């Protein structure tokens, strides 16, 4: 569902993508 995708996207962004960008 769109809500599940939103949760996955939000969690993935906060836990992986944004910290990864900061570290790079």
PDBML (XML) file of the C-alpha atoms, coordinates in Angstrom:
<?xml version="1.0" encoding="UTF-8" ?>
<PDBx:datablock datablockName="MODEL"
   xmlns:PDBx="http://pdbml.pdb.org/schema/pdbx-v50.xsd"
   xmlns:xsi="http://www.w3.org/2001/XMLSchema-instance"
   xsi:schemaLocation="http://pdbml.pdb.org/schema/pdbx-v50.xsd pdbx-v50.xsd">
   <PDBx:atom_siteCategory>
      <PDBx:atom_site id="1">
         <PDBx:B_iso_or_equiv>0.00</PDBx:B_iso_or_equiv>
         <PDBx:Cartn_x>0.000</PDBx:Cartn_x>
         <PDBx:Cartn_y>0.000</PDBx:Cartn_y>
         <PDBx:Cartn_z>0.000</PDBx:Cartn_z>
         <PDBx:auth_asym_id>A</PDBx:auth_asym_id>
         <PDBx:auth_atom_id>CA</PDBx:auth_atom_id>
         <PDBx:auth_comp_id>UNK</PDBx:auth_comp_id>
         <PDBx:auth_seq_id>1</PDBx:auth_seq_id>
         <PDBx:group_PDB>ATOM</PDBx:group_PDB>
         <PDBx:label_alt_id xsi:nil="true" />
         <PDBx:label_asym_id>A</PDBx:label_asym_id>
         <PDBx:label_atom_id>CA</PDBx:label_atom_id>
         <PDBx:label_comp_id>UNK</PDBx:label_comp_id>
         <PDBx:label_entity_id>1</PDBx:label_entity_id>
         <PDBx:label_seq_id>1</PDBx:label_seq_id>
         <PDBx:occupancy>1.00</PDBx:occupancy>
         <PDBx:pdbx_PDB_model_num>1</PDBx:pdbx_PDB_model_num>
         <PDBx:type_symbol>C</PDBx:type_symbol>
      </PDBx:atom_site>
      <PDBx:atom_site id="2">
         <PDBx:B_iso_or_equiv>0.00</PDBx:B_iso_or_equiv>
         <PDBx:Cartn_x>1.014</PDBx:Cartn_x>
         <PDBx:Cartn_y>3.642</PDBx:Cartn_y>
         <PDBx:Cartn_z>-0.367</PDBx:Cartn_z>
         <PDBx:auth_asym_id>A</PDBx:auth_asym_id>
         <PDBx:auth_atom_id>CA</PDBx:auth_atom_id>
         <PDBx:auth_comp_id>UNK</PDBx:auth_comp_id>
         <PDBx:auth_seq_id>2</PDBx:auth_seq_id>
         <PDBx:group_PDB>ATOM</PDBx:group_PDB>
         <PDBx:label_alt_id xsi:nil="true" />
         <PDBx:label_asym_id>A</PDBx:label_asym_id>
         <PDBx:label_atom_id>CA</PDBx:label_atom_id>
         <PDBx:label_comp_id>UNK</PDBx:label_comp_id>
         <PDBx:label_entity_id>1</PDBx:label_entity_id>
         <PDBx:label_seq_id>2</PDBx:label_seq_id>
         <PDBx:occupancy>1.00</PDBx:occupancy>
         <PDBx:pdbx_PDB_model_num>1</PDBx:pdbx_PDB_model_num>
         <PDBx:type_symbol>C</PDBx:type_symbol>
      </PDBx:atom_site>
      <PDBx:atom_site id="3">
         <PDBx:B_iso_or_equiv>0.00</PDBx:B_iso_or_equiv>
         <PDBx:Cartn_x>1.238</PDBx:Cartn_x>
         <PDBx:Cartn_y>4.023</PDBx:Cartn_y>
         <PDBx:Cartn_z>3.427</PDBx:Cartn_z>
         <PDBx:auth_asym_id>A</PDBx:auth_asym_id>
         <PDBx:auth_atom_id>CA</PDBx:auth_atom_id>
         <PDBx:auth_comp_id>UNK</PDBx:auth_comp_id>
         <PDBx:auth_seq_id>3</PDBx:auth_seq_id>
         <PDBx:group_PDB>ATOM</PDBx:group_PDB>
         <PDBx:label_alt_id xsi:nil="true" />
         <PDBx:label_asym_id>A</PDBx:label_asym_id>
         <PDBx:label_atom_id>CA</PDBx:label_atom_id>
         <PDBx:label_comp_id>UNK</PDBx:label_comp_id>
         <PDBx:label_entity_id>1</PDBx:label_entity_id>
         <PDBx:label_seq_id>3</PDBx:label_seq_id>
         <PDBx:occupancy>1.00</PDBx:occupancy>
         <PDBx:pdbx_PDB_model_num>1</PDBx:pdbx_PDB_model_num>
         <PDBx:type_symbol>C</PDBx:type_symbol>
      </PDBx:atom_site>
      <PDBx:atom_site id="4">
         <PDBx:B_iso_or_equiv>0.00</PDBx:B_iso_or_equiv>
         <PDBx:Cartn_x>3.541</PDBx:Cartn_x>
         <PDBx:Cartn_y>0.999</PDBx:Cartn_y>
         <PDBx:Cartn_z>3.764</PDBx:Cartn_z>
         <PDBx:auth_asym_id>A</PDBx:auth_asym_id>
         <PDBx:auth_atom_id>CA</PDBx:auth_atom_id>
         <PDBx:auth_comp_id>UNK</PDBx:auth_comp_id>
         <PDBx:auth_seq_id>4</PDBx:auth_seq_id>
         <PDBx:group_PDB>ATOM</PDBx:group_PDB>
         <PDBx:label_alt_id xsi:nil="true" />
         <PDBx:label_asym_id>A</PDBx:label_asym_id>
         <PDBx:label_atom_id>CA</PDBx:label_atom_id>
         <PDBx:label_comp_id>UNK</PDBx:label_comp_id>
         <PDBx:label_entity_id>1</PDBx:label_entity_id>
         <PDBx:label_seq_id>4</PDBx:label_seq_id>
         <PDBx:occupancy>1.00</PDBx:occupancy>
         <PDBx:pdbx_PDB_model_num>1</PDBx:pdbx_PDB_model_num>
         <PDBx:type_symbol>C</PDBx:type_symbol>
      </PDBx:atom_site>
      <PDBx:atom_site id="5">
         <PDBx:B_iso_or_equiv>0.00</PDBx:B_iso_or_equiv>
         <PDBx:Cartn_x>5.742</PDBx:Cartn_x>
         <PDBx:Cartn_y>2.362</PDBx:Cartn_y>
         <PDBx:Cartn_z>0.959</PDBx:Cartn_z>
         <PDBx:auth_asym_id>A</PDBx:auth_asym_id>
         <PDBx:auth_atom_id>CA</PDBx:auth_atom_id>
         <PDBx:auth_comp_id>UNK</PDBx:auth_comp_id>
         <PDBx:auth_seq_id>5</PDBx:auth_seq_id>
         <PDBx:group_PDB>ATOM</PDBx:group_PDB>
         <PDBx:label_alt_id xsi:nil="true" />
         <PDBx:label_asym_id>A</PDBx:label_asym_id>
         <PDBx:label_atom_id>CA</PDBx:label_atom_id>
         <PDBx:label_comp_id>UNK</PDBx:label_comp_id>
         <PDBx:label_entity_id>1</PDBx:label_entity_id>
         <PDBx:label_seq_id>5</PDBx:label_seq_id>
         <PDBx:occupancy>1.00</PDBx:occupancy>
         <PDBx:pdbx_PDB_model_num>1</PDBx:pdbx_PDB_model_num>
         <PDBx:type_symbol>C</PDBx:type_symbol>
      </PDBx:atom_site>
      <PDBx:atom_site id="6">
         <PDBx:B_iso_or_equiv>0.00</PDBx:B_iso_or_equiv>
         <PDBx:Cartn_x>5.828</PDBx:Cartn_x>
         <PDBx:Cartn_y>5.733</PDBx:Cartn_y>
         <PDBx:Cartn_z>2.692</PDBx:Cartn_z>
         <PDBx:auth_asym_id>A</PDBx:auth_asym_id>
         <PDBx:auth_atom_id>CA</PDBx:auth_atom_id>
         <PDBx:auth_comp_id>UNK</PDBx:auth_comp_id>
         <PDBx:auth_seq_id>6</PDBx:auth_seq_id>
         <PDBx:group_PDB>ATOM</PDBx:group_PDB>
         <PDBx:label_alt_id xsi:nil="true" />
         <PDBx:label_asym_id>A</PDBx:label_asym_id>
         <PDBx:label_atom_id>CA</PDBx:label_atom_id>
         <PDBx:label_comp_id>UNK</PDBx:label_comp_id>
         <PDBx:label_entity_id>1</PDBx:label_entity_id>
         <PDBx:label_seq_id>6</PDBx:label_seq_id>
         <PDBx:occupancy>1.00</PDBx:occupancy>
         <PDBx:pdbx_PDB_model_num>1</PDBx:pdbx_PDB_model_num>
         <PDBx:type_symbol>C</PDBx:type_symbol>
      </PDBx:atom_site>
      <PDBx:atom_site id="7">
         <PDBx:B_iso_or_equiv>0.00</PDBx:B_iso_or_equiv>
         <PDBx:Cartn_x>6.954</PDBx:Cartn_x>
         <PDBx:Cartn_y>4.080</PDBx:Cartn_y>
         <PDBx:Cartn_z>5.961</PDBx:Cartn_z>
         <PDBx:auth_asym_id>A</PDBx:auth_asym_id>
         <PDBx:auth_atom_id>CA</PDBx:auth_atom_id>
         <PDBx:auth_comp_id>UNK</PDBx:auth_comp_id>
         <PDBx:auth_seq_id>7</PDBx:auth_seq_id>
         <PDBx:group_PDB>ATOM</PDBx:group_PDB>
         <PDBx:label_alt_id xsi:nil="true" />
         <PDBx:label_asym_id>A</PDBx:label_asym_id>
         <PDBx:label_atom_id>CA</PDBx:label_atom_id>
         <PDBx:label_comp_id>UNK</PDBx:label_comp_id>
         <PDBx:label_entity_id>1</PDBx:label_entity_id>
         <PDBx:label_seq_id>7</PDBx:label_seq_id>
         <PDBx:occupancy>1.00</PDBx:occupancy>
         <PDBx:pdbx_PDB_model_num>1</PDBx:pdbx_PDB_model_num>
         <PDBx:type_symbol>C</PDBx:type_symbol>
      </PDBx:atom_site>
      <PDBx:atom_site id="8">
         <PDBx:B_iso_or_equiv>0.00</PDBx:B_iso_or_equiv>
         <PDBx:Cartn_x>9.648</PDBx:Cartn_x>
         <PDBx:Cartn_y>2.089</PDBx:Cartn_y>
         <PDBx:Cartn_z>4.148</PDBx:Cartn_z>
         <PDBx:auth_asym_id>A</PDBx:auth_asym_id>
         <PDBx:auth_atom_id>CA</PDBx:auth_atom_id>
         <PDBx:auth_comp_id>UNK</PDBx:auth_comp_id>
         <PDBx:auth_seq_id>8</PDBx:auth_seq_id>
         <PDBx:group_PDB>ATOM</PDBx:group_PDB>
         <PDBx:label_alt_id xsi:nil="true" />
         <PDBx:label_asym_id>A</PDBx:label_asym_id>
         <PDBx:label_atom_id>CA</PDBx:label_atom_id>
         <PDBx:label_comp_id>UNK</PDBx:label_comp_id>
         <PDBx:label_entity_id>1</PDBx:label_entity_id>
         <PDBx:label_seq_id>8</PDBx:label_seq_id>
         <PDBx:occupancy>1.00</PDBx:occupancy>
         <PDBx:pdbx_PDB_model_num>1</PDBx:pdbx_PDB_model_num>
         <PDBx:type_symbol>C</PDBx:type_symbol>
      </PDBx:atom_site>
      <PDBx:atom_site id="9">
         <PDBx:B_iso_or_equiv>0.00</PDBx:B_iso_or_equiv>
         <PDBx:Cartn_x>10.845</PDBx:Cartn_x>
         <PDBx:Cartn_y>5.157</PDBx:Cartn_y>
         <PDBx:Cartn_z>2.247</PDBx:Cartn_z>
         <PDBx:auth_asym_id>A</PDBx:auth_asym_id>
         <PDBx:auth_atom_id>CA</PDBx:auth_atom_id>
         <PDBx:auth_comp_id>UNK</PDBx:auth_comp_id>
         <PDBx:auth_seq_id>9</PDBx:auth_seq_id>
         <PDBx:group_PDB>ATOM</PDBx:group_PDB>
         <PDBx:label_alt_id xsi:nil="true" />
         <PDBx:label_asym_id>A</PDBx:label_asym_id>
         <PDBx:label_atom_id>CA</PDBx:label_atom_id>
         <PDBx:label_comp_id>UNK</PDBx:label_comp_id>
         <PDBx:label_entity_id>1</PDBx:label_entity_id>
         <PDBx:label_seq_id>9</PDBx:label_seq_id>
         <PDBx:occupancy>1.00</PDBx:occupancy>
         <PDBx:pdbx_PDB_model_num>1</PDBx:pdbx_PDB_model_num>
         <PDBx:type_symbol>C</PDBx:type_symbol>
      </PDBx:atom_site>
      <PDBx:atom_site id="10">
         <PDBx:B_iso_or_equiv>0.00</PDBx:B_iso_or_equiv>
         <PDBx:Cartn_x>10.887</PDBx:Cartn_x>
         <PDBx:Cartn_y>7.302</PDBx:Cartn_y>
         <PDBx:Cartn_z>5.383</PDBx:Cartn_z>
         <PDBx:auth_asym_id>A</PDBx:auth_asym_id>
         <PDBx:auth_atom_id>CA</PDBx:auth_atom_id>
         <PDBx:auth_comp_id>UNK</PDBx:auth_comp_id>
         <PDBx:auth_seq_id>10</PDBx:auth_seq_id>
         <PDBx:group_PDB>ATOM</PDBx:group_PDB>
         <PDBx:label_alt_id xsi:nil="true" />
         <PDBx:label_asym_id>A</PDBx:label_asym_id>
         <PDBx:label_atom_id>CA</PDBx:label_atom_id>
         <PDBx:label_comp_id>UNK</PDBx:label_comp_id>
         <PDBx:label_entity_id>1</PDBx:label_entity_id>
         <PDBx:label_seq_id>10</PDBx:label_seq_id>
         <PDBx:occupancy>1.00</PDBx:occupancy>
         <PDBx:pdbx_PDB_model_num>1</PDBx:pdbx_PDB_model_num>
         <PDBx:type_symbol>C</PDBx:type_symbol>
      </PDBx:atom_site>
      <PDBx:atom_site id="11">
         <PDBx:B_iso_or_equiv>0.00</PDBx:B_iso_or_equiv>
         <PDBx:Cartn_x>12.720</PDBx:Cartn_x>
         <PDBx:Cartn_y>4.706</PDBx:Cartn_y>
         <PDBx:Cartn_z>7.457</PDBx:Cartn_z>
         <PDBx:auth_asym_id>A</PDBx:auth_asym_id>
         <PDBx:auth_atom_id>CA</PDBx:auth_atom_id>
         <PDBx:auth_comp_id>UNK</PDBx:auth_comp_id>
         <PDBx:auth_seq_id>11</PDBx:auth_seq_id>
         <PDBx:group_PDB>ATOM</PDBx:group_PDB>
         <PDBx:label_alt_id xsi:nil="true" />
         <PDBx:label_asym_id>A</PDBx:label_asym_id>
         <PDBx:label_atom_id>CA</PDBx:label_atom_id>
         <PDBx:label_comp_id>UNK</PDBx:label_comp_id>
         <PDBx:label_entity_id>1</PDBx:label_entity_id>
         <PDBx:label_seq_id>11</PDBx:label_seq_id>
         <PDBx:occupancy>1.00</PDBx:occupancy>
         <PDBx:pdbx_PDB_model_num>1</PDBx:pdbx_PDB_model_num>
         <PDBx:type_symbol>C</PDBx:type_symbol>
      </PDBx:atom_site>
      <PDBx:atom_site id="12">
         <PDBx:B_iso_or_equiv>0.00</PDBx:B_iso_or_equiv>
         <PDBx:Cartn_x>15.207</PDBx:Cartn_x>
         <PDBx:Cartn_y>3.948</PDBx:Cartn_y>
         <PDBx:Cartn_z>4.679</PDBx:Cartn_z>
         <PDBx:auth_asym_id>A</PDBx:auth_asym_id>
         <PDBx:auth_atom_id>CA</PDBx:auth_atom_id>
         <PDBx:auth_comp_id>UNK</PDBx:auth_comp_id>
         <PDBx:auth_seq_id>12</PDBx:auth_seq_id>
         <PDBx:group_PDB>ATOM</PDBx:group_PDB>
         <PDBx:label_alt_id xsi:nil="true" />
         <PDBx:label_asym_id>A</PDBx:label_asym_id>
         <PDBx:label_atom_id>CA</PDBx:label_atom_id>
         <PDBx:label_comp_id>UNK</PDBx:label_comp_id>
         <PDBx:label_entity_id>1</PDBx:label_entity_id>
         <PDBx:label_seq_id>12</PDBx:label_seq_id>
         <PDBx:occupancy>1.00</PDBx:occupancy>
         <PDBx:pdbx_PDB_model_num>1</PDBx:pdbx_PDB_model_num>
         <PDBx:type_symbol>C</PDBx:type_symbol>
      </PDBx:atom_site>
      <PDBx:atom_site id="13">
         <PDBx:B_iso_or_equiv>0.00</PDBx:B_iso_or_equiv>
         <PDBx:Cartn_x>15.900</PDBx:Cartn_x>
         <PDBx:Cartn_y>7.614</PDBx:Cartn_y>
         <PDBx:Cartn_z>4.158</PDBx:Cartn_z>
         <PDBx:auth_asym_id>A</PDBx:auth_asym_id>
         <PDBx:auth_atom_id>CA</PDBx:auth_atom_id>
         <PDBx:auth_comp_id>UNK</PDBx:auth_comp_id>
         <PDBx:auth_seq_id>13</PDBx:auth_seq_id>
         <PDBx:group_PDB>ATOM</PDBx:group_PDB>
         <PDBx:label_alt_id xsi:nil="true" />
         <PDBx:label_asym_id>A</PDBx:label_asym_id>
         <PDBx:label_atom_id>CA</PDBx:label_atom_id>
         <PDBx:label_comp_id>UNK</PDBx:label_comp_id>
         <PDBx:label_entity_id>1</PDBx:label_entity_id>
         <PDBx:label_seq_id>13</PDBx:label_seq_id>
         <PDBx:occupancy>1.00</PDBx:occupancy>
         <PDBx:pdbx_PDB_model_num>1</PDBx:pdbx_PDB_model_num>
         <PDBx:type_symbol>C</PDBx:type_symbol>
      </PDBx:atom_site>
      <PDBx:atom_site id="14">
         <PDBx:B_iso_or_equiv>0.00</PDBx:B_iso_or_equiv>
         <PDBx:Cartn_x>16.349</PDBx:Cartn_x>
         <PDBx:Cartn_y>8.443</PDBx:Cartn_y>
         <PDBx:Cartn_z>7.842</PDBx:Cartn_z>
         <PDBx:auth_asym_id>A</PDBx:auth_asym_id>
         <PDBx:auth_atom_id>CA</PDBx:auth_atom_id>
         <PDBx:auth_comp_id>UNK</PDBx:auth_comp_id>
         <PDBx:auth_seq_id>14</PDBx:auth_seq_id>
         <PDBx:group_PDB>ATOM</PDBx:group_PDB>
         <PDBx:label_alt_id xsi:nil="true" />
         <PDBx:label_asym_id>A</PDBx:label_asym_id>
         <PDBx:label_atom_id>CA</PDBx:label_atom_id>
         <PDBx:label_comp_id>UNK</PDBx:label_comp_id>
         <PDBx:label_entity_id>1</PDBx:label_entity_id>
         <PDBx:label_seq_id>14</PDBx:label_seq_id>
         <PDBx:occupancy>1.00</PDBx:occupancy>
         <PDBx:pdbx_PDB_model_num>1</PDBx:pdbx_PDB_model_num>
         <PDBx:type_symbol>C</PDBx:type_symbol>
      </PDBx:atom_site>
      <PDBx:atom_site id="15">
         <PDBx:B_iso_or_equiv>0.00</PDBx:B_iso_or_equiv>
         <PDBx:Cartn_x>18.342</PDBx:Cartn_x>
         <PDBx:Cartn_y>5.333</PDBx:Cartn_y>
         <PDBx:Cartn_z>8.725</PDBx:Cartn_z>
         <PDBx:auth_asym_id>A</PDBx:auth_asym_id>
         <PDBx:auth_atom_id>CA</PDBx:auth_atom_id>
         <PDBx:auth_comp_id>UNK</PDBx:auth_comp_id>
         <PDBx:auth_seq_id>15</PDBx:auth_seq_id>
         <PDBx:group_PDB>ATOM</PDBx:group_PDB>
         <PDBx:label_alt_id xsi:nil="true" />
         <PDBx:label_asym_id>A</PDBx:label_asym_id>
         <PDBx:label_atom_id>CA</PDBx:label_atom_id>
         <PDBx:label_comp_id>UNK</PDBx:label_comp_id>
         <PDBx:label_entity_id>1</PDBx:label_entity_id>
         <PDBx:label_seq_id>15</PDBx:label_seq_id>
         <PDBx:occupancy>1.00</PDBx:occupancy>
         <PDBx:pdbx_PDB_model_num>1</PDBx:pdbx_PDB_model_num>
         <PDBx:type_symbol>C</PDBx:type_symbol>
      </PDBx:atom_site>
      <PDBx:atom_site id="16">
         <PDBx:B_iso_or_equiv>0.00</PDBx:B_iso_or_equiv>
         <PDBx:Cartn_x>20.428</PDBx:Cartn_x>
         <PDBx:Cartn_y>4.849</PDBx:Cartn_y>
         <PDBx:Cartn_z>5.590</PDBx:Cartn_z>
         <PDBx:auth_asym_id>A</PDBx:auth_asym_id>
         <PDBx:auth_atom_id>CA</PDBx:auth_atom_id>
         <PDBx:auth_comp_id>UNK</PDBx:auth_comp_id>
         <PDBx:auth_seq_id>16</PDBx:auth_seq_id>
         <PDBx:group_PDB>ATOM</PDBx:group_PDB>
         <PDBx:label_alt_id xsi:nil="true" />
         <PDBx:label_asym_id>A</PDBx:label_asym_id>
         <PDBx:label_atom_id>CA</PDBx:label_atom_id>
         <PDBx:label_comp_id>UNK</PDBx:label_comp_id>
         <PDBx:label_entity_id>1</PDBx:label_entity_id>
         <PDBx:label_seq_id>16</PDBx:label_seq_id>
         <PDBx:occupancy>1.00</PDBx:occupancy>
         <PDBx:pdbx_PDB_model_num>1</PDBx:pdbx_PDB_model_num>
         <PDBx:type_symbol>C</PDBx:type_symbol>
      </PDBx:atom_site>
      <PDBx:atom_site id="17">
         <PDBx:B_iso_or_equiv>0.00</PDBx:B_iso_or_equiv>
         <PDBx:Cartn_x>20.356</PDBx:Cartn_x>
         <PDBx:Cartn_y>7.565</PDBx:Cartn_y>
         <PDBx:Cartn_z>2.915</PDBx:Cartn_z>
         <PDBx:auth_asym_id>A</PDBx:auth_asym_id>
         <PDBx:auth_atom_id>CA</PDBx:auth_atom_id>
         <PDBx:auth_comp_id>UNK</PDBx:auth_comp_id>
         <PDBx:auth_seq_id>17</PDBx:auth_seq_id>
         <PDBx:group_PDB>ATOM</PDBx:group_PDB>
         <PDBx:label_alt_id xsi:nil="true" />
         <PDBx:label_asym_id>A</PDBx:label_asym_id>
         <PDBx:label_atom_id>CA</PDBx:label_atom_id>
         <PDBx:label_comp_id>UNK</PDBx:label_comp_id>
         <PDBx:label_entity_id>1</PDBx:label_entity_id>
         <PDBx:label_seq_id>17</PDBx:label_seq_id>
         <PDBx:occupancy>1.00</PDBx:occupancy>
         <PDBx:pdbx_PDB_model_num>1</PDBx:pdbx_PDB_model_num>
         <PDBx:type_symbol>C</PDBx:type_symbol>
      </PDBx:atom_site>
      <PDBx:atom_site id="18">
         <PDBx:B_iso_or_equiv>0.00</PDBx:B_iso_or_equiv>
         <PDBx:Cartn_x>20.721</PDBx:Cartn_x>
         <PDBx:Cartn_y>10.770</PDBx:Cartn_y>
         <PDBx:Cartn_z>4.933</PDBx:Cartn_z>
         <PDBx:auth_asym_id>A</PDBx:auth_asym_id>
         <PDBx:auth_atom_id>CA</PDBx:auth_atom_id>
         <PDBx:auth_comp_id>UNK</PDBx:auth_comp_id>
         <PDBx:auth_seq_id>18</PDBx:auth_seq_id>
         <PDBx:group_PDB>ATOM</PDBx:group_PDB>
         <PDBx:label_alt_id xsi:nil="true" />
         <PDBx:label_asym_id>A</PDBx:label_asym_id>
         <PDBx:label_atom_id>CA</PDBx:label_atom_id>
         <PDBx:label_comp_id>UNK</PDBx:label_comp_id>
         <PDBx:label_entity_id>1</PDBx:label_entity_id>
         <PDBx:label_seq_id>18</PDBx:label_seq_id>
         <PDBx:occupancy>1.00</PDBx:occupancy>
         <PDBx:pdbx_PDB_model_num>1</PDBx:pdbx_PDB_model_num>
         <PDBx:type_symbol>C</PDBx:type_symbol>
      </PDBx:atom_site>
      <PDBx:atom_site id="19">
         <PDBx:B_iso_or_equiv>0.00</PDBx:B_iso_or_equiv>
         <PDBx:Cartn_x>23.427</PDBx:Cartn_x>
         <PDBx:Cartn_y>9.405</PDBx:Cartn_y>
         <PDBx:Cartn_z>7.285</PDBx:Cartn_z>
         <PDBx:auth_asym_id>A</PDBx:auth_asym_id>
         <PDBx:auth_atom_id>CA</PDBx:auth_atom_id>
         <PDBx:auth_comp_id>UNK</PDBx:auth_comp_id>
         <PDBx:auth_seq_id>19</PDBx:auth_seq_id>
         <PDBx:group_PDB>ATOM</PDBx:group_PDB>
         <PDBx:label_alt_id xsi:nil="true" />
         <PDBx:label_asym_id>A</PDBx:label_asym_id>
         <PDBx:label_atom_id>CA</PDBx:label_atom_id>
         <PDBx:label_comp_id>UNK</PDBx:label_comp_id>
         <PDBx:label_entity_id>1</PDBx:label_entity_id>
         <PDBx:label_seq_id>19</PDBx:label_seq_id>
         <PDBx:occupancy>1.00</PDBx:occupancy>
         <PDBx:pdbx_PDB_model_num>1</PDBx:pdbx_PDB_model_num>
         <PDBx:type_symbol>C</PDBx:type_symbol>
      </PDBx:atom_site>
      <PDBx:atom_site id="20">
         <PDBx:B_iso_or_equiv>0.00</PDBx:B_iso_or_equiv>
         <PDBx:Cartn_x>25.243</PDBx:Cartn_x>
         <PDBx:Cartn_y>7.926</PDBx:Cartn_y>
         <PDBx:Cartn_z>4.272</PDBx:Cartn_z>
         <PDBx:auth_asym_id>A</PDBx:auth_asym_id>
         <PDBx:auth_atom_id>CA</PDBx:auth_atom_id>
         <PDBx:auth_comp_id>UNK</PDBx:auth_comp_id>
         <PDBx:auth_seq_id>20</PDBx:auth_seq_id>
         <PDBx:group_PDB>ATOM</PDBx:group_PDB>
         <PDBx:label_alt_id xsi:nil="true" />
         <PDBx:label_asym_id>A</PDBx:label_asym_id>
         <PDBx:label_atom_id>CA</PDBx:label_atom_id>
         <PDBx:label_comp_id>UNK</PDBx:label_comp_id>
         <PDBx:label_entity_id>1</PDBx:label_entity_id>
         <PDBx:label_seq_id>20</PDBx:label_seq_id>
         <PDBx:occupancy>1.00</PDBx:occupancy>
         <PDBx:pdbx_PDB_model_num>1</PDBx:pdbx_PDB_model_num>
         <PDBx:type_symbol>C</PDBx:type_symbol>
      </PDBx:atom_site>
      <PDBx:atom_site id="21">
         <PDBx:B_iso_or_equiv>0.00</PDBx:B_iso_or_equiv>
         <PDBx:Cartn_x>25.254</PDBx:Cartn_x>
         <PDBx:Cartn_y>11.318</PDBx:Cartn_y>
         <PDBx:Cartn_z>2.547</PDBx:Cartn_z>
         <PDBx:auth_asym_id>A</PDBx:auth_asym_id>
         <PDBx:auth_atom_id>CA</PDBx:auth_atom_id>
         <PDBx:auth_comp_id>UNK</PDBx:auth_comp_id>
         <PDBx:auth_seq_id>21</PDBx:auth_seq_id>
         <PDBx:group_PDB>ATOM</PDBx:group_PDB>
         <PDBx:label_alt_id xsi:nil="true" />
         <PDBx:label_asym_id>A</PDBx:label_asym_id>
         <PDBx:label_atom_id>CA</PDBx:label_atom_id>
         <PDBx:label_comp_id>UNK</PDBx:label_comp_id>
         <PDBx:label_entity_id>1</PDBx:label_entity_id>
         <PDBx:label_seq_id>21</PDBx:label_seq_id>
         <PDBx:occupancy>1.00</PDBx:occupancy>
         <PDBx:pdbx_PDB_model_num>1</PDBx:pdbx_PDB_model_num>
         <PDBx:type_symbol>C</PDBx:type_symbol>
      </PDBx:atom_site>
      <PDBx:atom_site id="22">
         <PDBx:B_iso_or_equiv>0.00</PDBx:B_iso_or_equiv>
         <PDBx:Cartn_x>26.580</PDBx:Cartn_x>
         <PDBx:Cartn_y>12.974</PDBx:Cartn_y>
         <PDBx:Cartn_z>5.698</PDBx:Cartn_z>
         <PDBx:auth_asym_id>A</PDBx:auth_asym_id>
         <PDBx:auth_atom_id>CA</PDBx:auth_atom_id>
         <PDBx:auth_comp_id>UNK</PDBx:auth_comp_id>
         <PDBx:auth_seq_id>22</PDBx:auth_seq_id>
         <PDBx:group_PDB>ATOM</PDBx:group_PDB>
         <PDBx:label_alt_id xsi:nil="true" />
         <PDBx:label_asym_id>A</PDBx:label_asym_id>
         <PDBx:label_atom_id>CA</PDBx:label_atom_id>
         <PDBx:label_comp_id>UNK</PDBx:label_comp_id>
         <PDBx:label_entity_id>1</PDBx:label_entity_id>
         <PDBx:label_seq_id>22</PDBx:label_seq_id>
         <PDBx:occupancy>1.00</PDBx:occupancy>
         <PDBx:pdbx_PDB_model_num>1</PDBx:pdbx_PDB_model_num>
         <PDBx:type_symbol>C</PDBx:type_symbol>
      </PDBx:atom_site>
      <PDBx:atom_site id="23">
         <PDBx:B_iso_or_equiv>0.00</PDBx:B_iso_or_equiv>
         <PDBx:Cartn_x>29.368</PDBx:Cartn_x>
         <PDBx:Cartn_y>10.421</PDBx:Cartn_y>
         <PDBx:Cartn_z>6.042</PDBx:Cartn_z>
         <PDBx:auth_asym_id>A</PDBx:auth_asym_id>
         <PDBx:auth_atom_id>CA</PDBx:auth_atom_id>
         <PDBx:auth_comp_id>UNK</PDBx:auth_comp_id>
         <PDBx:auth_seq_id>23</PDBx:auth_seq_id>
         <PDBx:group_PDB>ATOM</PDBx:group_PDB>
         <PDBx:label_alt_id xsi:nil="true" />
         <PDBx:label_asym_id>A</PDBx:label_asym_id>
         <PDBx:label_atom_id>CA</PDBx:label_atom_id>
         <PDBx:label_comp_id>UNK</PDBx:label_comp_id>
         <PDBx:label_entity_id>1</PDBx:label_entity_id>
         <PDBx:label_seq_id>23</PDBx:label_seq_id>
         <PDBx:occupancy>1.00</PDBx:occupancy>
         <PDBx:pdbx_PDB_model_num>1</PDBx:pdbx_PDB_model_num>
         <PDBx:type_symbol>C</PDBx:type_symbol>
      </PDBx:atom_site>
      <PDBx:atom_site id="24">
         <PDBx:B_iso_or_equiv>0.00</PDBx:B_iso_or_equiv>
         <PDBx:Cartn_x>30.336</PDBx:Cartn_x>
         <PDBx:Cartn_y>10.783</PDBx:Cartn_y>
         <PDBx:Cartn_z>2.373</PDBx:Cartn_z>
         <PDBx:auth_asym_id>A</PDBx:auth_asym_id>
         <PDBx:auth_atom_id>CA</PDBx:auth_atom_id>
         <PDBx:auth_comp_id>UNK</PDBx:auth_comp_id>
         <PDBx:auth_seq_id>24</PDBx:auth_seq_id>
         <PDBx:group_PDB>ATOM</PDBx:group_PDB>
         <PDBx:label_alt_id xsi:nil="true" />
         <PDBx:label_asym_id>A</PDBx:label_asym_id>
         <PDBx:label_atom_id>CA</PDBx:label_atom_id>
         <PDBx:label_comp_id>UNK</PDBx:label_comp_id>
         <PDBx:label_entity_id>1</PDBx:label_entity_id>
         <PDBx:label_seq_id>24</PDBx:label_seq_id>
         <PDBx:occupancy>1.00</PDBx:occupancy>
         <PDBx:pdbx_PDB_model_num>1</PDBx:pdbx_PDB_model_num>
         <PDBx:type_symbol>C</PDBx:type_symbol>
      </PDBx:atom_site>
   </PDBx:atom_siteCategory>
</PDBx:datablock>
